[in-house]
Amino acid sequence: MVSKIPGTSLRLEPVKMDFHYSTSFGKGSPEAYERLLLDAIAGDATLFARRDEVEEAWKFIDHIEHAWHQSSTPPPMAEFVAGSWGPKEADELLQQDGNTWRRL
């Protein structure tokens, strides 16, 4: 297996399948937002969505939101505690077909 060495340059190095960045390279992999901030500062938009992609995604959501507001009795919004596995309605939706979420 080959992995990118942490840092701003693109350098690859063979690693064992049971590797951890900190064990193999002496430092951990950057957190997701750390990586995005570094890329933004460097002007690298590779990991960012393009404007047209975001606009198309919102067109899809806008149709759903419009239909939601047109209903005289919209269904209640599913709520759940932050950090939990999500709303009970998600479990109920899968259970209709005899499925369950795979907990990590």
Foldseek 3Di string as FASTA:
>chain_A
DKDAQADDDGDIDDDDPPDANCVVRVDHHDDPVVVVVVCVVVVNCPPPDDPVVVVVVVVVVVVVVVVQVVDPDRDDDFDDDPPDPGGVVVQVVQVVVPDGDDDD
